[in-house]
């Protein structure tokens, strides 16, 4: 999105999401439900998070890895009373189920793709928690990815704390058939609706990776810089752990996913970003014009050693600097 695309309506929506409260349709998502006696052990064996330490009502970001330690998936894992819920970008359920089932032998586990019957709405802003209370929902935990079930207009809703749009945000997982009812309830409560491209801007500003765009099956998990939130280095064995442990002992990867401020109003397309001589500077995965910094903001992979905050590049799109 270029600067001229930011009309007063979008700027107002951005202001609502960052300074007050607003809601936005998150679009299609994958919602995979995993049940059965051995569900915790199975999920723990296939992801980088320590699922055993999670209690009901808690969640964790995680990578799903190949045997070689490359990323086959990335998203949130939520522990519910009788199941585990795995949430990620759209159209991933069949791929993830097929991957895990290759290694399931005698474990009792069942998979159900709930993507078609659920959808996601996001509520965010400094007033988000207060707004939940006005809707009759008490969410007292401030722990990342905690979740609970409640109701809006007598409709059962899963509510998950999320930082997709900033520190104070919530995801509503609602029945697709009731989406308009929930949306109407939010609007009737005086909560402003925002456009999807404003959501994308906030995602990039908050450096939240999107599988299939910022991460793919060629990536190693430590390249993405989500170690603190998505990787346990103390849990037991899991698929791909050998690669993760080896990279941890080496202390670095060959490339890093960083945020770049580019001194230009032209937003680069995903792909190679070159210097004046046509030499590769980095590979952009997502980009937007950012009201926060008043410049173009790009998420990109740069070489090891060039990823430190303050590192600068001269590109065909303008001077760029790695942000802290």
C-alpha atoms as a PDB file:
ATOM      1  CA  UNK A   1       0.000   0.000   0.000  1.00  0.00           C
ATOM      2  CA  UNK A   2       1.473   3.355  -1.018  1.00  0.00           C
ATOM      3  CA  UNK A   3       1.037   6.573   0.970  1.00  0.00           C
ATOM      4  CA  UNK A   4      -1.727   7.912  -1.318  1.00  0.00           C
ATOM      5  CA  UNK A   5      -3.800   4.805  -0.509  1.00  0.00           C
ATOM      6  CA  UNK A   6      -3.984   5.867   3.132  1.00  0.00           C
ATOM      7  CA  UNK A   7      -7.120   7.983   2.971  1.00  0.00           C
ATOM      8  CA  UNK A   8      -8.729   9.514   6.044  1.00  0.00           C
ATOM      9  CA  UNK A   9     -10.918   6.453   6.572  1.00  0.00           C
ATOM     10  CA  UNK A  10      -7.944   4.084   6.796  1.00  0.00           C
ATOM     11  CA  UNK A  11      -5.976   6.466   8.980  1.00  0.00           C
ATOM     12  CA  UNK A  12      -8.989   6.706  11.279  1.00  0.00           C
ATOM     13  CA  UNK A  13      -9.252   2.916  11.457  1.00  0.00           C
ATOM     14  CA  UNK A  14      -5.544   2.614  12.191  1.00  0.00           C
ATOM     15  CA  UNK A  15      -5.902   5.172  14.961  1.00  0.00           C
ATOM     16  CA  UNK A  16      -8.851   3.251  16.433  1.00  0.00           C
ATOM     17  CA  UNK A  17      -6.897  -0.037  16.462  1.00  0.00           C
ATOM     18  CA  UNK A  18      -3.811   1.496  18.030  1.00  0.00           C
ATOM     19  CA  UNK A  19      -5.280   4.146  20.336  1.00  0.00           C
ATOM     20  CA  UNK A  20      -8.835   3.058  21.215  1.00  0.00           C
ATOM     21  CA  UNK A  21     -10.507  -0.165  20.092  1.00  0.00           C
ATOM     22  CA  UNK A  22     -11.765  -1.593  16.817  1.00  0.00           C
ATOM     23  CA  UNK A  23     -12.533  -4.943  15.213  1.00  0.00           C
ATOM     24  CA  UNK A  24     -11.582  -6.520  11.898  1.00  0.00           C
ATOM     25  CA  UNK A  25     -12.479  -9.659   9.978  1.00  0.00           C
ATOM     26  CA  UNK A  26      -9.394 -11.905  10.031  1.00  0.00           C
ATOM     27  CA  UNK A  27     -10.486 -13.820   6.924  1.00  0.00           C
ATOM     28  CA  UNK A  28     -10.258 -17.599   6.432  1.00  0.00           C
ATOM     29  CA  UNK A  29      -8.204 -19.571   8.951  1.00  0.00           C
ATOM     30  CA  UNK A  30      -7.279 -23.193   9.557  1.00  0.00           C
ATOM     31  CA  UNK A  31      -8.833 -24.514  12.775  1.00  0.00           C
ATOM     32  CA  UNK A  32      -7.733 -28.072  13.461  1.00  0.00           C
ATOM     33  CA  UNK A  33      -9.177 -29.943  16.451  1.00  0.00           C
ATOM     34  CA  UNK A  34      -7.122 -32.820  17.886  1.00  0.00           C
ATOM     35  CA  UNK A  35      -8.791 -35.205  20.351  1.00  0.00           C
ATOM     36  CA  UNK A  36      -8.140 -38.636  21.816  1.00  0.00           C
ATOM     37  CA  UNK A  37      -6.290 -40.043  24.823  1.00  0.00           C
ATOM     38  CA  UNK A  38      -2.804 -39.391  23.395  1.00  0.00           C
ATOM     39  CA  UNK A  39      -3.464 -35.959  21.880  1.00  0.00           C
ATOM     40  CA  UNK A  40      -1.017 -34.082  24.129  1.00  0.00           C
ATOM     41  CA  UNK A  41       1.812 -36.532  23.541  1.00  0.00           C
ATOM     42  CA  UNK A  42       1.243 -36.593  19.770  1.00  0.00           C
ATOM     43  CA  UNK A  43       1.122 -32.814  19.379  1.00  0.00           C
ATOM     44  CA  UNK A  44       4.141 -32.404  21.644  1.00  0.00           C
ATOM     45  CA  UNK A  45       6.098 -34.825  19.447  1.00  0.00           C
ATOM     46  CA  UNK A  46       5.514 -32.725  16.333  1.00  0.00           C
ATOM     47  CA  UNK A  47       6.008 -29.129  17.423  1.00  0.00           C
ATOM     48  CA  UNK A  48       8.675 -26.897  18.954  1.00  0.00           C
ATOM     49  CA  UNK A  49       6.567 -25.783  21.938  1.00  0.00           C
ATOM     50  CA  UNK A  50       6.394 -27.675  25.224  1.00  0.00           C
ATOM     51  CA  UNK A  51       2.732 -28.715  25.228  1.00  0.00           C
ATOM     52  CA  UNK A  52       3.096 -30.794  28.405  1.00  0.00           C
ATOM     53  CA  UNK A  53       3.560 -27.651  30.482  1.00  0.00           C
ATOM     54  CA  UNK A  54       0.333 -26.043  29.231  1.00  0.00           C
ATOM     55  CA  UNK A  55      -2.816 -26.198  31.307  1.00  0.00           C
ATOM     56  CA  UNK A  56      -6.388 -25.990  30.016  1.00  0.00           C
ATOM     57  CA  UNK A  57      -6.981 -22.389  28.983  1.00  0.00           C
ATOM     58  CA  UNK A  58      -3.365 -21.793  27.964  1.00  0.00           C
ATOM     59  CA  UNK A  59      -1.700 -21.751  24.569  1.00  0.00           C
ATOM     60  CA  UNK A  60       1.625 -21.389  22.813  1.00  0.00           C
ATOM     61  CA  UNK A  61       3.004 -20.338  19.478  1.00  0.00           C
ATOM     62  CA  UNK A  62       4.798 -23.227  17.742  1.00  0.00           C
ATOM     63  CA  UNK A  63       6.470 -24.473  14.588  1.00  0.00           C
ATOM     64  CA  UNK A  64       5.621 -27.829  13.002  1.00  0.00           C
ATOM     65  CA  UNK A  65       8.834 -29.299  11.591  1.00  0.00           C
ATOM     66  CA  UNK A  66       9.940 -31.818   9.013  1.00  0.00           C
ATOM     67  CA  UNK A  67      12.412 -34.573   9.971  1.00  0.00           C
ATOM     68  CA  UNK A  68      15.164 -32.280   8.668  1.00  0.00           C
ATOM     69  CA  UNK A  69      14.014 -29.451  10.921  1.00  0.00           C
ATOM     70  CA  UNK A  70      12.479 -27.182   8.276  1.00  0.00           C
ATOM     71  CA  UNK A  71       9.154 -25.460   8.938  1.00  0.00           C
ATOM     72  CA  UNK A  72       6.037 -27.179   7.613  1.00  0.00           C
ATOM     73  CA  UNK A  73       3.697 -25.027   9.671  1.00  0.00           C
ATOM     74  CA  UNK A  74       3.480 -22.209  12.190  1.00  0.00           C
ATOM     75  CA  UNK A  75       0.633 -21.038  14.388  1.00  0.00           C
ATOM     76  CA  UNK A  76      -1.040 -21.221  17.762  1.00  0.00           C
ATOM     77  CA  UNK A  77      -1.730 -24.340  19.844  1.00  0.00           C
ATOM     78  CA  UNK A  78      -4.478 -24.057  22.477  1.00  0.00           C
ATOM     79  CA  UNK A  79      -5.290 -26.609  25.176  1.00  0.00           C
ATOM     80  CA  UNK A  80      -9.045 -27.070  25.718  1.00  0.00           C
ATOM     81  CA  UNK A  81     -10.750 -29.517  28.153  1.00  0.00           C
ATOM     82  CA  UNK A  82     -11.153 -32.435  25.737  1.00  0.00           C
ATOM     83  CA  UNK A  83      -9.019 -31.419  22.780  1.00  0.00           C
ATOM     84  CA  UNK A  84      -6.140 -29.386  21.447  1.00  0.00           C
ATOM     85  CA  UNK A  85      -6.867 -26.650  18.905  1.00  0.00           C
ATOM     86  CA  UNK A  86      -4.264 -25.779  16.292  1.00  0.00           C
ATOM     87  CA  UNK A  87      -4.850 -22.464  14.519  1.00  0.00           C
ATOM     88  CA  UNK A  88      -2.905 -21.217  11.504  1.00  0.00           C
ATOM     89  CA  UNK A  89      -3.323 -19.682   8.040  1.00  0.00           C
ATOM     90  CA  UNK A  90      -5.997 -20.984   5.712  1.00  0.00           C
ATOM     91  CA  UNK A  91      -5.869 -24.295   3.824  1.00  0.00           C
ATOM     92  CA  UNK A  92      -3.304 -26.058   6.018  1.00  0.00           C
ATOM     93  CA  UNK A  93      -5.395 -28.730   7.750  1.00  0.00           C
ATOM     94  CA  UNK A  94      -5.016 -31.580   5.259  1.00  0.00           C
ATOM     95  CA  UNK A  95      -1.259 -30.985   4.909  1.00  0.00           C
ATOM     96  CA  UNK A  96      -0.644 -30.943   8.660  1.00  0.00           C
ATOM     97  CA  UNK A  97      -2.863 -33.964   9.369  1.00  0.00           C
ATOM     98  CA  UNK A  98      -1.200 -35.995   6.603  1.00  0.00           C
ATOM     99  CA  UNK A  99       2.233 -35.064   7.950  1.00  0.00           C
ATOM    100  CA  UNK A 100       1.460 -36.077  11.541  1.00  0.00           C
ATOM    101  CA  UNK A 101      -0.431 -39.246  10.635  1.00  0.00           C
ATOM    102  CA  UNK A 102       2.649 -40.624   8.861  1.00  0.00           C
ATOM    103  CA  UNK A 103       4.190 -41.137  12.298  1.00  0.00           C
ATOM    104  CA  UNK A 104       1.146 -42.148  14.355  1.00  0.00           C
ATOM    105  CA  UNK A 105       1.346 -45.901  15.044  1.00  0.00           C
ATOM    106  CA  UNK A 106      -0.573 -46.992  18.126  1.00  0.00           C
ATOM    107  CA  UNK A 107      -1.465 -43.630  19.653  1.00  0.00           C
ATOM    108  CA  UNK A 108      -5.141 -42.849  20.191  1.00  0.00           C
ATOM    109  CA  UNK A 109      -5.691 -39.531  18.439  1.00  0.00           C
ATOM    110  CA  UNK A 110      -8.399 -38.036  16.237  1.00  0.00           C
ATOM    111  CA  UNK A 111      -8.263 -35.057  13.878  1.00  0.00           C
ATOM    112  CA  UNK A 112     -11.179 -32.850  12.826  1.00  0.00           C
ATOM    113  CA  UNK A 113     -10.968 -29.919  10.420  1.00  0.00           C
ATOM    114  CA  UNK A 114     -13.211 -27.218  11.884  1.00  0.00           C
ATOM    115  CA  UNK A 115     -12.076 -24.542   9.426  1.00  0.00           C
ATOM    116  CA  UNK A 116     -15.268 -24.608   7.361  1.00  0.00           C
ATOM    117  CA  UNK A 117     -17.552 -24.100  10.356  1.00  0.00           C
ATOM    118  CA  UNK A 118     -15.531 -21.427  12.165  1.00  0.00           C
ATOM    119  CA  UNK A 119     -14.215 -17.983  11.328  1.00  0.00           C
ATOM    120  CA  UNK A 120     -12.137 -15.370  13.147  1.00  0.00           C
ATOM    121  CA  UNK A 121     -12.774 -11.767  14.123  1.00  0.00           C
ATOM    122  CA  UNK A 122     -10.115  -9.680  15.860  1.00  0.00           C
ATOM    123  CA  UNK A 123     -10.692  -7.062  18.550  1.00  0.00           C
ATOM    124  CA  UNK A 124      -7.743  -4.846  19.416  1.00  0.00           C
ATOM    125  CA  UNK A 125      -6.648  -1.587  20.959  1.00  0.00           C
ATOM    126  CA  UNK A 126      -5.832  -0.174  24.408  1.00  0.00           C
ATOM    127  CA  UNK A 127      -9.529  -0.375  25.334  1.00  0.00           C
ATOM    128  CA  UNK A 128      -9.997  -3.986  24.163  1.00  0.00           C
ATOM    129  CA  UNK A 129     -10.155  -5.587  27.622  1.00  0.00           C
ATOM    130  CA  UNK A 130     -12.566  -2.925  28.866  1.00  0.00           C
ATOM    131  CA  UNK A 131     -14.684  -3.432  25.766  1.00  0.00           C
ATOM    132  CA  UNK A 132     -14.852  -7.175  26.443  1.00  0.00           C
ATOM    133  CA  UNK A 133     -16.248  -6.403  29.888  1.00  0.00           C
ATOM    134  CA  UNK A 134     -18.906  -4.177  28.323  1.00  0.00           C
ATOM    135  CA  UNK A 135     -19.883  -7.177  26.189  1.00  0.00           C
ATOM    136  CA  UNK A 136     -20.297  -9.184  29.380  1.00  0.00           C
ATOM    137  CA  UNK A 137     -17.001 -11.098  29.086  1.00  0.00           C
ATOM    138  CA  UNK A 138     -14.482 -11.083  31.939  1.00  0.00           C
ATOM    139  CA  UNK A 139     -10.988 -11.898  30.649  1.00  0.00           C
ATOM    140  CA  UNK A 140      -8.727 -11.403  33.649  1.00  0.00           C
ATOM    141  CA  UNK A 141      -5.523 -13.061  32.429  1.00  0.00           C
ATOM    142  CA  UNK A 142      -2.949 -10.947  30.635  1.00  0.00           C
ATOM    143  CA  UNK A 143      -0.825 -13.971  29.713  1.00  0.00           C
ATOM    144  CA  UNK A 144      -0.061 -14.334  26.023  1.00  0.00           C
ATOM    145  CA  UNK A 145      -2.353 -16.799  24.183  1.00  0.00           C
ATOM    146  CA  UNK A 146      -4.565 -17.618  27.162  1.00  0.00           C
ATOM    147  CA  UNK A 147      -8.109 -18.394  26.056  1.00  0.00           C
ATOM    148  CA  UNK A 148     -11.612 -19.117  27.288  1.00  0.00           C
ATOM    149  CA  UNK A 149     -15.106 -19.823  26.025  1.00  0.00           C
ATOM    150  CA  UNK A 150     -17.932 -17.361  26.468  1.00  0.00           C
ATOM    151  CA  UNK A 151     -20.965 -16.114  24.556  1.00  0.00           C
ATOM    152  CA  UNK A 152     -21.999 -13.022  22.621  1.00  0.00           C
ATOM    153  CA  UNK A 153     -25.703 -12.625  21.867  1.00  0.00           C
ATOM    154  CA  UNK A 154     -26.166 -16.202  23.149  1.00  0.00           C
ATOM    155  CA  UNK A 155     -23.657 -17.538  20.599  1.00  0.00           C
ATOM    156  CA  UNK A 156     -20.786 -19.691  21.850  1.00  0.00           C
ATOM    157  CA  UNK A 157     -17.437 -18.021  21.120  1.00  0.00           C
ATOM    158  CA  UNK A 158     -13.812 -18.995  21.779  1.00  0.00           C
ATOM    159  CA  UNK A 159     -11.801 -15.943  22.836  1.00  0.00           C
ATOM    160  CA  UNK A 160      -8.009 -15.998  22.581  1.00  0.00           C
ATOM    161  CA  UNK A 161      -5.563 -13.330  23.646  1.00  0.00           C
ATOM    162  CA  UNK A 162      -3.434 -12.373  20.639  1.00  0.00           C
ATOM    163  CA  UNK A 163      -0.677  -9.879  19.852  1.00  0.00           C
ATOM    164  CA  UNK A 164      -1.373  -9.886  16.119  1.00  0.00           C
ATOM    165  CA  UNK A 165      -2.527  -6.265  16.321  1.00  0.00           C
ATOM    166  CA  UNK A 166      -0.517  -5.200  19.341  1.00  0.00           C
ATOM    167  CA  UNK A 167      -0.269  -5.972  23.028  1.00  0.00           C
ATOM    168  CA  UNK A 168      -3.985  -5.813  23.898  1.00  0.00           C
ATOM    169  CA  UNK A 169      -5.886  -7.906  21.386  1.00  0.00           C
ATOM    170  CA  UNK A 170      -8.323 -10.785  21.218  1.00  0.00           C
ATOM    171  CA  UNK A 171      -9.337 -13.284  18.566  1.00  0.00           C
ATOM    172  CA  UNK A 172     -12.970 -14.405  18.480  1.00  0.00           C
ATOM    173  CA  UNK A 173     -13.407 -17.838  16.923  1.00  0.00           C
ATOM    174  CA  UNK A 174     -17.104 -17.907  16.037  1.00  0.00           C
ATOM    175  CA  UNK A 175     -19.399 -20.222  14.064  1.00  0.00           C
ATOM    176  CA  UNK A 176     -19.328 -19.128  10.424  1.00  0.00           C
ATOM    177  CA  UNK A 177     -23.115 -19.176  10.328  1.00  0.00           C
ATOM    178  CA  UNK A 178     -23.183 -16.623  13.174  1.00  0.00           C
ATOM    179  CA  UNK A 179     -20.491 -14.315  11.849  1.00  0.00           C
ATOM    180  CA  UNK A 180     -22.868 -11.525  10.842  1.00  0.00           C
ATOM    181  CA  UNK A 181     -24.662 -11.705  14.187  1.00  0.00           C
ATOM    182  CA  UNK A 182     -21.401 -11.301  16.114  1.00  0.00           C
ATOM    183  CA  UNK A 183     -20.235  -8.553  13.770  1.00  0.00           C
ATOM    184  CA  UNK A 184     -23.546  -6.767  14.276  1.00  0.00           C
ATOM    185  CA  UNK A 185     -23.200  -7.044  18.045  1.00  0.00           C
ATOM    186  CA  UNK A 186     -19.728  -5.489  17.915  1.00  0.00           C
ATOM    187  CA  UNK A 187     -20.905  -2.649  15.671  1.00  0.00           C
ATOM    188  CA  UNK A 188     -24.000  -2.074  17.825  1.00  0.00           C
ATOM    189  CA  UNK A 189     -21.701  -1.727  20.826  1.00  0.00           C
ATOM    190  CA  UNK A 190     -20.045   1.225  19.071  1.00  0.00           C
ATOM    191  CA  UNK A 191     -16.899  -0.637  18.052  1.00  0.00           C
ATOM    192  CA  UNK A 192     -15.542   0.523  14.702  1.00  0.00           C
ATOM    193  CA  UNK A 193     -14.883  -2.000  11.928  1.00  0.00           C
ATOM    194  CA  UNK A 194     -11.572  -1.856  10.051  1.00  0.00           C
ATOM    195  CA  UNK A 195     -10.476  -3.018   6.608  1.00  0.00           C
ATOM    196  CA  UNK A 196      -8.264  -6.010   5.939  1.00  0.00           C
ATOM    197  CA  UNK A 197      -5.382  -3.905   4.604  1.00  0.00           C
ATOM    198  CA  UNK A 198      -5.231  -2.025   7.916  1.00  0.00           C
ATOM    199  CA  UNK A 199      -5.025  -5.424   9.632  1.00  0.00           C
ATOM    200  CA  UNK A 200      -2.134  -6.347   7.335  1.00  0.00           C
ATOM    201  CA  UNK A 201      -0.340  -3.105   8.184  1.00  0.00           C
ATOM    202  CA  UNK A 202      -0.612  -3.836  11.919  1.00  0.00           C
ATOM    203  CA  UNK A 203       0.594  -7.404  11.371  1.00  0.00           C
ATOM    204  CA  UNK A 204       3.733  -6.137   9.638  1.00  0.00           C
ATOM    205  CA  UNK A 205       4.309  -3.407  12.231  1.00  0.00           C
ATOM    206  CA  UNK A 206       4.065  -6.002  15.004  1.00  0.00           C
ATOM    207  CA  UNK A 207       6.330  -8.409  13.045  1.00  0.00           C
ATOM    208  CA  UNK A 208       3.948 -11.365  13.229  1.00  0.00           C
ATOM    209  CA  UNK A 209       4.985 -13.941  10.597  1.00  0.00           C
ATOM    210  CA  UNK A 210       2.429 -15.417   8.216  1.00  0.00           C
ATOM    211  CA  UNK A 211       3.072 -18.936   7.021  1.00  0.00           C
ATOM    212  CA  UNK A 212       3.238 -19.173   3.235  1.00  0.00           C
ATOM    213  CA  UNK A 213       4.396 -15.570   3.003  1.00  0.00           C
ATOM    214  CA  UNK A 214       7.091 -14.928   5.623  1.00  0.00           C
ATOM    215  CA  UNK A 215       7.842 -18.590   6.338  1.00  0.00           C
ATOM    216  CA  UNK A 216       7.838 -21.651   4.116  1.00  0.00           C
ATOM    217  CA  UNK A 217       9.178 -25.191   4.020  1.00  0.00           C
ATOM    218  CA  UNK A 218      12.696 -23.933   3.187  1.00  0.00           C
ATOM    219  CA  UNK A 219      13.022 -22.021   6.448  1.00  0.00           C
ATOM    220  CA  UNK A 220      14.673 -23.174   9.643  1.00  0.00           C
ATOM    221  CA  UNK A 221      12.709 -22.048  12.722  1.00  0.00           C
ATOM    222  CA  UNK A 222      15.508 -19.986  14.278  1.00  0.00           C
ATOM    223  CA  UNK A 223      15.734 -17.857  11.134  1.00  0.00           C
ATOM    224  CA  UNK A 224      12.368 -16.301  11.992  1.00  0.00           C
ATOM    225  CA  UNK A 225      13.414 -14.903  15.369  1.00  0.00           C
ATOM    226  CA  UNK A 226      10.513 -16.385  17.354  1.00  0.00           C
ATOM    227  CA  UNK A 227      12.657 -18.442  19.748  1.00  0.00           C
ATOM    228  CA  UNK A 228      11.278 -16.797  22.888  1.00  0.00           C
ATOM    229  CA  UNK A 229       7.643 -17.498  22.019  1.00  0.00           C
ATOM    230  CA  UNK A 230       7.671 -20.614  19.830  1.00  0.00           C
ATOM    231  CA  UNK A 231      10.630 -22.854  20.698  1.00  0.00           C
ATOM    232  CA  UNK A 232      11.382 -24.811  23.867  1.00  0.00           C
ATOM    233  CA  UNK A 233      15.036 -25.832  24.105  1.00  0.00           C
ATOM    234  CA  UNK A 234      14.387 -27.944  27.212  1.00  0.00           C
ATOM    235  CA  UNK A 235      11.563 -30.276  26.173  1.00  0.00           C
ATOM    236  CA  UNK A 236      12.071 -33.900  25.193  1.00  0.00           C
ATOM    237  CA  UNK A 237      12.559 -35.278  21.709  1.00  0.00           C
ATOM    238  CA  UNK A 238      10.362 -34.188  18.821  1.00  0.00           C
ATOM    239  CA  UNK A 239      10.503 -34.390  15.058  1.00  0.00           C
ATOM    240  CA  UNK A 240      13.198 -32.032  13.747  1.00  0.00           C
ATOM    241  CA  UNK A 241      14.697 -31.388  17.193  1.00  0.00           C
ATOM    242  CA  UNK A 242      18.195 -32.455  16.148  1.00  0.00           C
ATOM    243  CA  UNK A 243      18.451 -29.560  13.695  1.00  0.00           C
ATOM    244  CA  UNK A 244      17.052 -27.063  16.201  1.00  0.00           C
ATOM    245  CA  UNK A 245      19.521 -28.222  18.870  1.00  0.00           C
ATOM    246  CA  UNK A 246      22.468 -28.114  16.464  1.00  0.00           C
ATOM    247  CA  UNK A 247      21.649 -24.550  15.408  1.00  0.00           C
ATOM    248  CA  UNK A 248      21.288 -23.563  19.051  1.00  0.00           C
ATOM    249  CA  UNK A 249      24.741 -24.951  19.837  1.00  0.00           C
ATOM    250  CA  UNK A 250      26.267 -23.200  16.821  1.00  0.00           C
ATOM    251  CA  UNK A 251      24.777 -19.929  18.002  1.00  0.00           C
ATOM    252  CA  UNK A 252      23.561 -18.567  14.672  1.00  0.00           C
ATOM    253  CA  UNK A 253      21.817 -19.219  11.372  1.00  0.00           C
ATOM    254  CA  UNK A 254      22.872 -17.933   7.970  1.00  0.00           C
ATOM    255  CA  UNK A 255      19.960 -15.538   7.558  1.00  0.00           C
ATOM    256  CA  UNK A 256      17.581 -13.660   9.814  1.00  0.00           C
ATOM    257  CA  UNK A 257      14.053 -12.267   9.423  1.00  0.00           C
ATOM    258  CA  UNK A 258      14.141  -8.573  10.336  1.00  0.00           C
ATOM    259  CA  UNK A 259      12.147  -5.359   9.984  1.00  0.00           C
ATOM    260  CA  UNK A 260      13.524  -2.754   7.600  1.00  0.00           C
ATOM    261  CA  UNK A 261      12.539   0.910   7.479  1.00  0.00           C
ATOM    262  CA  UNK A 262      12.903   2.052   3.868  1.00  0.00           C
ATOM    263  CA  UNK A 263      13.135   5.750   3.034  1.00  0.00           C
ATOM    264  CA  UNK A 264      10.551   5.595   0.268  1.00  0.00           C
ATOM    265  CA  UNK A 265       6.804   5.765  -0.266  1.00  0.00           C
ATOM    266  CA  UNK A 266       6.998   2.923  -2.792  1.00  0.00           C
ATOM    267  CA  UNK A 267       6.200  -0.383  -1.129  1.00  0.00           C
ATOM    268  CA  UNK A 268       8.310  -3.238  -2.548  1.00  0.00           C
ATOM    269  CA  UNK A 269       6.716  -6.449  -3.724  1.00  0.00           C
ATOM    270  CA  UNK A 270       7.740  -9.706  -2.034  1.00  0.00           C
ATOM    271  CA  UNK A 271      10.974 -10.973  -3.545  1.00  0.00           C
ATOM    272  CA  UNK A 272      14.576  -9.863  -4.011  1.00  0.00           C
ATOM    273  CA  UNK A 273      15.519  -6.306  -3.042  1.00  0.00           C
ATOM    274  CA  UNK A 274      18.575  -5.148  -4.989  1.00  0.00           C
ATOM    275  CA  UNK A 275      21.155  -2.410  -4.683  1.00  0.00           C
ATOM    276  CA  UNK A 276      22.089   0.048  -7.446  1.00  0.00           C
ATOM    277  CA  UNK A 277      24.413  -2.535  -9.019  1.00  0.00           C
ATOM    278  CA  UNK A 278      21.775  -5.253  -9.105  1.00  0.00           C
ATOM    279  CA  UNK A 279      23.307  -7.133  -6.184  1.00  0.00           C
ATOM    280  CA  UNK A 280      20.960  -8.895  -3.773  1.00  0.00           C
ATOM    281  CA  UNK A 281      20.525  -6.987  -0.509  1.00  0.00           C
ATOM    282  CA  UNK A 282      17.751  -9.042   1.070  1.00  0.00           C
ATOM    283  CA  UNK A 283      14.564 -10.945   0.275  1.00  0.00           C
ATOM    284  CA  UNK A 284      11.334  -9.174   1.205  1.00  0.00           C
ATOM    285  CA  UNK A 285       8.437 -11.325   2.451  1.00  0.00           C
ATOM    286  CA  UNK A 286       5.867  -8.678   3.483  1.00  0.00           C
ATOM    287  CA  UNK A 287       5.780  -4.891   3.228  1.00  0.00           C
ATOM    288  CA  UNK A 288       3.499  -1.943   3.895  1.00  0.00           C
ATOM    289  CA  UNK A 289       3.558   1.788   4.332  1.00  0.00           C
ATOM    290  CA  UNK A 290       3.644   2.309   8.101  1.00  0.00           C
ATOM    291  CA  UNK A 291       1.922   5.235   9.825  1.00  0.00           C
ATOM    292  CA  UNK A 292       3.932   4.311  12.936  1.00  0.00           C
ATOM    293  CA  UNK A 293       7.293   5.199  11.391  1.00  0.00           C
ATOM    294  CA  UNK A 294       6.053   7.365   8.506  1.00  0.00           C
ATOM    295  CA  UNK A 295       7.978   5.244   6.019  1.00  0.00           C
ATOM    296  CA  UNK A 296       7.787   1.986   4.160  1.00  0.00           C
ATOM    297  CA  UNK A 297       8.239  -0.992   6.461  1.00  0.00           C
ATOM    298  CA  UNK A 298       9.397  -4.344   5.089  1.00  0.00           C
ATOM    299  CA  UNK A 299       9.900  -7.738   6.692  1.00  0.00           C
ATOM    300  CA  UNK A 300      12.832  -9.427   5.007  1.00  0.00           C
ATOM    301  CA  UNK A 301      15.557 -12.034   5.308  1.00  0.00           C
ATOM    302  CA  UNK A 302      19.093 -10.618   5.500  1.00  0.00           C
ATOM    303  CA  UNK A 303      22.442 -12.360   5.843  1.00  0.00           C
ATOM    304  CA  UNK A 304      23.884 -13.198   9.242  1.00  0.00           C
ATOM    305  CA  UNK A 305      25.956 -10.280  10.474  1.00  0.00           C
ATOM    306  CA  UNK A 306      23.776  -7.760   8.618  1.00  0.00           C
ATOM    307  CA  UNK A 307      20.785  -8.311  10.895  1.00  0.00           C
ATOM    308  CA  UNK A 308      21.825  -6.152  13.816  1.00  0.00           C
ATOM    309  CA  UNK A 309      19.687  -3.055  14.586  1.00  0.00           C
ATOM    310  CA  UNK A 310      21.155  -0.055  12.834  1.00  0.00           C
ATOM    311  CA  UNK A 311      22.622  -1.999   9.904  1.00  0.00           C
ATOM    312  CA  UNK A 312      22.034   0.010   6.736  1.00  0.00           C
ATOM    313  CA  UNK A 313      21.584  -0.830   3.061  1.00  0.00           C
ATOM    314  CA  UNK A 314      21.323   1.199  -0.124  1.00  0.00           C
ATOM    315  CA  UNK A 315      18.612  -0.349  -2.286  1.00  0.00           C
ATOM    316  CA  UNK A 316      16.850   0.466  -5.528  1.00  0.00           C
ATOM    317  CA  UNK A 317      13.799   1.312  -3.403  1.00  0.00           C
ATOM    318  CA  UNK A 318      15.685   3.734  -1.135  1.00  0.00           C
ATOM    319  CA  UNK A 319      17.973   3.639   1.872  1.00  0.00           C
ATOM    320  CA  UNK A 320      17.028   0.956   4.400  1.00  0.00           C
ATOM    321  CA  UNK A 321      17.887   0.397   8.049  1.00  0.00           C
ATOM    322  CA  UNK A 322      17.326  -2.631  10.288  1.00  0.00           C
ATOM    323  CA  UNK A 323      15.022  -1.726  13.175  1.00  0.00           C
ATOM    324  CA  UNK A 324      15.451  -2.919  16.770  1.00  0.00           C
END
